[in-house]
C-alpha atoms as a PDB file:
ATOM      1  CA  MET A   1       0.000   0.000   0.000  1.00  0.00           C
ATOM      2  CA  SER A   2       1.362   3.397  -0.976  1.00  0.00           C
ATOM      3  CA  HIS A   3       0.385   6.049   1.543  1.00  0.00           C
ATOM      4  CA  HIS A   4       2.485   8.329   3.745  1.00  0.00           C
ATOM      5  CA  ILE A   5       0.780   7.142   6.947  1.00  0.00           C
ATOM      6  CA  ILE A   6       1.558   3.508   6.150  1.00  0.00           C
ATOM      7  CA  ALA A   7       5.089   4.477   5.118  1.00  0.00           C
ATOM      8  CA  ASP A   8       5.565   6.164   8.517  1.00  0.00           C
ATOM      9  CA  LEU A   9       4.504   3.030  10.356  1.00  0.00           C
ATOM     10  CA  GLU A  10       6.458   0.673   8.121  1.00  0.00           C
ATOM     11  CA  LYS A  11       9.756   2.483   8.668  1.00  0.00           C
ATOM     12  CA  ARG A  12       9.277   3.064  12.398  1.00  0.00           C
ATOM     13  CA  HIS A  13      11.168   0.813  14.814  1.00  0.00           C
ATOM     14  CA  THR A  14      12.104   0.847  18.482  1.00  0.00           C
ATOM     15  CA  VAL A  15      15.551   2.396  18.691  1.00  0.00           C
ATOM     16  CA  LYS A  16      17.979   0.277  20.712  1.00  0.00           C
ATOM     17  CA  HIS A  17      20.985   2.609  20.526  1.00  0.00           C
ATOM     18  CA  TYR A  18      20.979   6.395  20.110  1.00  0.00           C
ATOM     19  CA  ASP A  19      23.625   8.702  18.687  1.00  0.00           C
ATOM     20  CA  ALA A  20      24.227  11.104  21.577  1.00  0.00           C
ATOM     21  CA  ALA A  21      25.732  13.693  19.217  1.00  0.00           C
ATOM     22  CA  LYS A  22      22.494  14.177  17.271  1.00  0.00           C
ATOM     23  CA  LYS A  23      19.808  16.396  18.761  1.00  0.00           C
ATOM     24  CA  VAL A  24      16.194  17.024  17.807  1.00  0.00           C
ATOM     25  CA  SER A  25      15.821  20.552  16.455  1.00  0.00           C
ATOM     26  CA  LYS A  26      13.848  23.256  18.241  1.00  0.00           C
ATOM     27  CA  GLU A  27      11.532  23.417  15.227  1.00  0.00           C
ATOM     28  CA  ASP A  28      10.688  19.719  15.493  1.00  0.00           C
ATOM     29  CA  LEU A  29      10.327  19.947  19.265  1.00  0.00           C
ATOM     30  CA  THR A  30       7.761  22.703  18.785  1.00  0.00           C
ATOM     31  CA  ILE A  31       5.730  20.391  16.543  1.00  0.00           C
ATOM     32  CA  ILE A  32       6.036  17.515  19.023  1.00  0.00           C
ATOM     33  CA  TYR A  33       4.899  19.647  21.947  1.00  0.00           C
ATOM     34  CA  GLU A  34       1.899  20.957  20.035  1.00  0.00           C
ATOM     35  CA  ALA A  35       0.987  17.419  18.940  1.00  0.00           C
ATOM     36  CA  LEU A  36       1.055  16.331  22.584  1.00  0.00           C
ATOM     37  CA  ARG A  37      -1.193  19.231  23.537  1.00  0.00           C
ATOM     38  CA  LEU A  38      -3.662  18.372  20.782  1.00  0.00           C
ATOM     39  CA  SER A  39      -3.949  14.690  21.718  1.00  0.00           C
ATOM     40  CA  PRO A  40      -7.516  13.491  22.320  1.00  0.00           C
ATOM     41  CA  SER A  41      -8.815  12.171  25.634  1.00  0.00           C
ATOM     42  CA  SER A  42     -12.084  10.884  27.057  1.00  0.00           C
ATOM     43  CA  ILE A  43     -14.489  13.768  27.809  1.00  0.00           C
ATOM     44  CA  ASN A  44     -11.593  16.057  26.838  1.00  0.00           C
ATOM     45  CA  SER A  45     -10.277  15.457  30.358  1.00  0.00           C
ATOM     46  CA  GLN A  46      -6.604  16.015  29.450  1.00  0.00           C
ATOM     47  CA  PRO A  47      -5.489  14.451  32.764  1.00  0.00           C
ATOM     48  CA  TRP A  48      -1.809  14.522  31.874  1.00  0.00           C
ATOM     49  CA  LYS A  49       1.467  16.297  32.352  1.00  0.00           C
ATOM     50  CA  PHE A  50       4.491  15.990  30.063  1.00  0.00           C
ATOM     51  CA  VAL A  51       7.937  16.550  31.524  1.00  0.00           C
ATOM     52  CA  VAL A  52      10.687  16.931  28.918  1.00  0.00           C
ATOM     53  CA  ILE A  53      14.190  15.985  29.997  1.00  0.00           C
ATOM     54  CA  GLU A  54      16.673  17.983  27.931  1.00  0.00           C
ATOM     55  CA  SER A  55      19.573  19.326  30.002  1.00  0.00           C
ATOM     56  CA  ASP A  56      22.585  17.253  31.019  1.00  0.00           C
ATOM     57  CA  ALA A  57      21.646  17.754  34.669  1.00  0.00           C
ATOM     58  CA  ALA A  58      18.115  16.454  34.104  1.00  0.00           C
ATOM     59  CA  LYS A  59      19.461  13.499  32.109  1.00  0.00           C
ATOM     60  CA  GLN A  60      21.727  12.616  35.027  1.00  0.00           C
ATOM     61  CA  ARG A  61      18.733  12.676  37.351  1.00  0.00           C
ATOM     62  CA  PHE A  62      16.852  10.388  34.987  1.00  0.00           C
ATOM     63  CA  GLU A  63      19.820   8.036  34.793  1.00  0.00           C
ATOM     64  CA  ASP A  64      19.778   7.908  38.593  1.00  0.00           C
ATOM     65  CA  THR A  65      16.246   6.465  38.507  1.00  0.00           C
ATOM     66  CA  PHE A  66      17.662   3.196  37.158  1.00  0.00           C
ATOM     67  CA  ALA A  67      19.615   2.513  40.345  1.00  0.00           C
ATOM     68  CA  ASN A  68      17.421  -0.410  41.424  1.00  0.00           C
ATOM     69  CA  LYS A  69      15.868  -1.931  38.303  1.00  0.00           C
ATOM     70  CA  PHE A  70      15.339  -1.755  34.540  1.00  0.00           C
ATOM     71  CA  GLU A  71      19.033  -1.100  33.978  1.00  0.00           C
ATOM     72  CA  PHE A  72      18.654  -2.169  30.325  1.00  0.00           C
ATOM     73  CA  ASN A  73      16.973   1.196  29.654  1.00  0.00           C
ATOM     74  CA  LYS A  74      19.615   3.208  31.509  1.00  0.00           C
ATOM     75  CA  LYS A  75      21.681   3.684  28.352  1.00  0.00           C
ATOM     76  CA  HIS A  76      18.960   5.842  26.806  1.00  0.00           C
ATOM     77  CA  ALA A  77      19.005   8.389  29.629  1.00  0.00           C
ATOM     78  CA  LYS A  78      21.969  10.322  28.267  1.00  0.00           C
ATOM     79  CA  ALA A  79      22.254   9.040  24.707  1.00  0.00           C
ATOM     80  CA  ALA A  80      18.767  10.034  23.550  1.00  0.00           C
ATOM     81  CA  SER A  81      18.256  13.625  22.500  1.00  0.00           C
ATOM     82  CA  HIS A  82      15.322  14.019  24.881  1.00  0.00           C
ATOM     83  CA  ILE A  83      13.229  11.937  27.262  1.00  0.00           C
ATOM     84  CA  ILE A  84       9.547  12.703  27.708  1.00  0.00           C
ATOM     85  CA  LEU A  85       7.892  11.613  30.947  1.00  0.00           C
ATOM     86  CA  PHE A  86       4.177  10.919  30.445  1.00  0.00           C
ATOM     87  CA  ALA A  87       2.398  11.470  33.733  1.00  0.00           C
ATOM     88  CA  HIS A  88      -1.243  11.235  34.728  1.00  0.00           C
ATOM     89  CA  LYS A  89      -3.392  12.656  37.502  1.00  0.00           C
ATOM     90  CA  THR A  90      -4.373   9.805  39.821  1.00  0.00           C
ATOM     91  CA  HIS A  91      -7.371  11.560  41.396  1.00  0.00           C
ATOM     92  CA  TYR A  92      -9.195  13.400  38.636  1.00  0.00           C
ATOM     93  CA  SER A  93     -12.076  15.321  40.193  1.00  0.00           C
ATOM     94  CA  ARG A  94     -15.093  17.398  39.263  1.00  0.00           C
ATOM     95  CA  ASP A  95     -13.015  20.476  40.089  1.00  0.00           C
ATOM     96  CA  ASP A  96     -10.464  19.382  37.472  1.00  0.00           C
ATOM     97  CA  PHE A  97     -13.194  18.961  34.895  1.00  0.00           C
ATOM     98  CA  SER A  98     -14.693  22.338  35.780  1.00  0.00           C
ATOM     99  CA  LYS A  99     -11.560  23.953  34.325  1.00  0.00           C
ATOM    100  CA  ILE A 100     -12.307  22.217  31.027  1.00  0.00           C
ATOM    101  CA  VAL A 101     -15.915  23.377  31.097  1.00  0.00           C
ATOM    102  CA  ASP A 102     -15.134  26.963  32.051  1.00  0.00           C
ATOM    103  CA  ASN A 103     -12.429  27.304  29.411  1.00  0.00           C
ATOM    104  CA  SER A 104     -14.821  25.790  26.866  1.00  0.00           C
ATOM    105  CA  ILE A 105     -17.262  28.561  27.761  1.00  0.00           C
ATOM    106  CA  LYS A 106     -14.541  31.197  27.289  1.00  0.00           C
ATOM    107  CA  ILE A 107     -13.821  30.063  23.735  1.00  0.00           C
ATOM    108  CA  GLY A 108     -17.479  29.648  22.806  1.00  0.00           C
ATOM    109  CA  ARG A 109     -17.518  25.858  22.666  1.00  0.00           C
ATOM    110  CA  VAL A 110     -20.077  25.728  25.477  1.00  0.00           C
ATOM    111  CA  GLN A 111     -22.738  28.363  26.060  1.00  0.00           C
ATOM    112  CA  PRO A 112     -22.762  29.819  29.611  1.00  0.00           C
ATOM    113  CA  GLU A 113     -26.361  28.768  30.178  1.00  0.00           C
ATOM    114  CA  ASN A 114     -25.382  25.164  29.405  1.00  0.00           C
ATOM    115  CA  ARG A 115     -22.618  24.972  32.015  1.00  0.00           C
ATOM    116  CA  GLU A 116     -24.326  22.465  34.306  1.00  0.00           C
ATOM    117  CA  GLN A 117     -25.450  20.392  31.346  1.00  0.00           C
ATOM    118  CA  ALA A 118     -21.819  20.160  30.227  1.00  0.00           C
ATOM    119  CA  PHE A 119     -20.986  18.283  33.408  1.00  0.00           C
ATOM    120  CA  GLY A 120     -23.089  15.362  32.194  1.00  0.00           C
ATOM    121  CA  SER A 121     -20.085  13.830  30.483  1.00  0.00           C
ATOM    122  CA  PHE A 122     -18.223  13.761  33.797  1.00  0.00           C
ATOM    123  CA  ALA A 123     -20.200  10.574  34.452  1.00  0.00           C
ATOM    124  CA  PHE A 124     -17.501   8.736  32.460  1.00  0.00           C
ATOM    125  CA  ALA A 125     -14.939   9.815  35.034  1.00  0.00           C
ATOM    126  CA  GLU A 126     -17.219   8.924  37.938  1.00  0.00           C
ATOM    127  CA  MET A 127     -17.677   5.417  36.540  1.00  0.00           C
ATOM    128  CA  ASN A 128     -13.913   5.014  36.770  1.00  0.00           C
ATOM    129  CA  THR A 129     -13.463   6.475  40.245  1.00  0.00           C
ATOM    130  CA  ASP A 130     -13.171   4.219  43.296  1.00  0.00           C
ATOM    131  CA  ALA A 131     -14.373   4.908  46.833  1.00  0.00           C
ATOM    132  CA  ASN A 132     -11.136   6.747  47.593  1.00  0.00           C
ATOM    133  CA  GLY A 133     -11.410   9.043  44.592  1.00  0.00           C
ATOM    134  CA  ASN A 134      -8.728   7.177  42.649  1.00  0.00           C
ATOM    135  CA  THR A 135      -9.055   7.410  38.864  1.00  0.00           C
ATOM    136  CA  GLU A 136      -5.607   6.050  38.019  1.00  0.00           C
ATOM    137  CA  ALA A 137      -6.593   3.274  35.612  1.00  0.00           C
ATOM    138  CA  TRP A 138      -8.755   5.654  33.576  1.00  0.00           C
ATOM    139  CA  THR A 139      -6.387   8.632  33.506  1.00  0.00           C
ATOM    140  CA  LYS A 140      -3.401   6.429  32.672  1.00  0.00           C
ATOM    141  CA  ALA A 141      -5.360   5.049  29.706  1.00  0.00           C
ATOM    142  CA  GLN A 142      -5.933   8.597  28.440  1.00  0.00           C
ATOM    143  CA  THR A 143      -2.220   9.340  28.721  1.00  0.00           C
ATOM    144  CA  TYR A 144      -1.429   6.358  26.511  1.00  0.00           C
ATOM    145  CA  ILE A 145      -3.499   7.960  23.755  1.00  0.00           C
ATOM    146  CA  ALA A 146      -1.078  10.899  23.813  1.00  0.00           C
ATOM    147  CA  PHE A 147       1.807   8.427  23.992  1.00  0.00           C
ATOM    148  CA  GLY A 148       0.740   6.643  20.817  1.00  0.00           C
ATOM    149  CA  ASN A 149       0.100   9.942  19.083  1.00  0.00           C
ATOM    150  CA  ALA A 150       3.633  11.065  19.959  1.00  0.00           C
ATOM    151  CA  MET A 151       5.244   7.944  18.501  1.00  0.00           C
ATOM    152  CA  HIS A 152       3.515   8.462  15.161  1.00  0.00           C
ATOM    153  CA  VAL A 153       4.512  12.114  15.138  1.00  0.00           C
ATOM    154  CA  MET A 154       8.137  11.027  15.666  1.00  0.00           C
ATOM    155  CA  ALA A 155       7.887   8.695  12.691  1.00  0.00           C
ATOM    156  CA  ARG A 156       6.428  11.482  10.537  1.00  0.00           C
ATOM    157  CA  LEU A 157       9.364  13.716  11.499  1.00  0.00           C
ATOM    158  CA  ASN A 158      11.934  10.943  10.934  1.00  0.00           C
ATOM    159  CA  ILE A 159      12.819  10.971  14.612  1.00  0.00           C
ATOM    160  CA  GLY A 160      13.523   7.704  16.390  1.00  0.00           C
ATOM    161  CA  SER A 161      11.759   6.717  19.593  1.00  0.00           C
ATOM    162  CA  THR A 162      11.817   4.094  22.322  1.00  0.00           C
ATOM    163  CA  ALA A 163       8.800   3.373  24.518  1.00  0.00           C
ATOM    164  CA  MET A 164       9.936   2.744  28.079  1.00  0.00           C
ATOM    165  CA  GLU A 165       7.500   1.136  30.485  1.00  0.00           C
ATOM    166  CA  GLY A 166      10.672  -0.207  32.048  1.00  0.00           C
ATOM    167  CA  ILE A 167      11.171   2.685  34.429  1.00  0.00           C
ATOM    168  CA  ASP A 168      11.118   2.804  38.215  1.00  0.00           C
ATOM    169  CA  ALA A 169       7.927   4.792  38.791  1.00  0.00           C
ATOM    170  CA  GLU A 170       8.675   5.186  42.489  1.00  0.00           C
ATOM    171  CA  LEU A 171      12.159   6.619  41.954  1.00  0.00           C
ATOM    172  CA  VAL A 172      10.977   8.766  39.043  1.00  0.00           C
ATOM    173  CA  GLY A 173       8.303  10.136  41.344  1.00  0.00           C
ATOM    174  CA  GLU A 174      10.875  10.942  44.019  1.00  0.00           C
ATOM    175  CA  ILE A 175      13.600  12.424  41.819  1.00  0.00           C
ATOM    176  CA  PHE A 176      11.207  14.446  39.651  1.00  0.00           C
ATOM    177  CA  LYS A 177       8.735  15.234  42.416  1.00  0.00           C
ATOM    178  CA  GLU A 178       8.898  18.991  41.880  1.00  0.00           C
ATOM    179  CA  GLU A 179       8.290  18.767  38.128  1.00  0.00           C
ATOM    180  CA  LEU A 180       5.571  16.121  38.336  1.00  0.00           C
ATOM    181  CA  GLU A 181       3.574  18.156  40.846  1.00  0.00           C
ATOM    182  CA  GLY A 182       1.682  15.174  42.220  1.00  0.00           C
ATOM    183  CA  TYR A 183       1.139  13.455  38.869  1.00  0.00           C
ATOM    184  CA  GLN A 184       2.302   9.864  38.467  1.00  0.00           C
ATOM    185  CA  CYS A 185       4.675   8.710  35.733  1.00  0.00           C
ATOM    186  CA  ASP A 186       4.695   5.049  34.691  1.00  0.00           C
ATOM    187  CA  VAL A 187       6.044   5.400  31.164  1.00  0.00           C
ATOM    188  CA  ALA A 188       8.605   7.496  29.302  1.00  0.00           C
ATOM    189  CA  LEU A 189       9.521   8.036  25.677  1.00  0.00           C
ATOM    190  CA  ALA A 190      13.118   8.405  24.529  1.00  0.00           C
ATOM    191  CA  ILE A 191      13.495  10.339  21.285  1.00  0.00           C
ATOM    192  CA  GLY A 192      16.394  11.155  19.004  1.00  0.00           C
ATOM    193  CA  TYR A 193      18.411   9.573  16.219  1.00  0.00           C
ATOM    194  CA  ASN A 194      19.779   6.068  16.165  1.00  0.00           C
ATOM    195  CA  GLU A 195      23.407   5.046  15.887  1.00  0.00           C
ATOM    196  CA  PRO A 196      23.121   2.797  12.784  1.00  0.00           C
ATOM    197  CA  GLU A 197      26.045   0.480  13.513  1.00  0.00           C
ATOM    198  CA  SER A 198      24.846  -0.328  17.034  1.00  0.00           C
ATOM    199  CA  ASP A 199      21.078  -0.159  16.543  1.00  0.00           C
ATOM    200  CA  TYR A 200      20.568  -3.771  15.515  1.00  0.00           C
ATOM    201  CA  ASN A 201      16.793  -3.417  15.512  1.00  0.00           C
ATOM    202  CA  ALA A 202      16.875  -0.989  12.587  1.00  0.00           C
ATOM    203  CA  ALA A 203      17.965  -3.690  10.148  1.00  0.00           C
ATOM    204  CA  LEU A 204      15.576  -6.403  11.308  1.00  0.00           C
ATOM    205  CA  PRO A 205      12.418  -7.085   9.279  1.00  0.00           C
ATOM    206  CA  LYS A 206       9.219  -5.822  10.889  1.00  0.00           C
ATOM    207  CA  TYR A 207       6.723  -8.497  11.958  1.00  0.00           C
ATOM    208  CA  ARG A 208       3.036  -7.876  12.532  1.00  0.00           C
ATOM    209  CA  HIS A 209       0.161 -10.343  12.372  1.00  0.00           C
ATOM    210  CA  ASP A 210      -1.617 -10.587   9.048  1.00  0.00           C
ATOM    211  CA  LEU A 211      -4.560  -8.213   8.807  1.00  0.00           C
ATOM    212  CA  LYS A 212      -6.986 -11.142   8.449  1.00  0.00           C
ATOM    213  CA  ASP A 213      -5.879 -12.414  11.866  1.00  0.00           C
ATOM    214  CA  VAL A 214      -6.549  -9.189  13.737  1.00  0.00           C
ATOM    215  CA  LEU A 215      -9.356  -7.473  11.822  1.00  0.00           C
ATOM    216  CA  THR A 216     -12.976  -8.520  11.534  1.00  0.00           C
ATOM    217  CA  VAL A 217     -15.378  -6.516   9.409  1.00  0.00           C
ATOM    218  CA  ILE A 218     -19.061  -7.234  10.060  1.00  0.00           C
END
């Protein structure tokens, strides 16, 4: 199939080794950040926070989070151009959603007289809230939408990426406590440009199940 979207996905691979000398341009970073901001979420909740690790000092802090486990991902901390921490709000409340509603009124998306009616969609959040007000499973799922969106954007921009669920969420939470501001980070995305001679995964053929095995049209 000849289409730029398919071409993006065909060429994309998980980078195993980055070239530390190559950096993502400010122009591309601007596109990436805006793409993150524009990511969709259930009821437009946007229950996320993105922390971009760019400086050498921040990269050292991120490397320090691999002190206890997932050491196989430690090499990306300093070699990748940037690391993006994808964090989610674990207790998403009606007050949080009210900011969405009120800003929607400001831009004319919701009419002022329909403010209370707009809260009807908050029922989706309530269905995913436990007795202690925890919404973690739901908000984390929304964050993964932005995560997937980011990986495709990287492919479109010819920027390599590595999805890292192999991070120590507890240590990340401690070391980046100030930046996370109470949000929880369970996954990070390394981005940059691969080192061709060391990135063995780049040369391997891509395997995915046949479409007939994963798609049913009824």
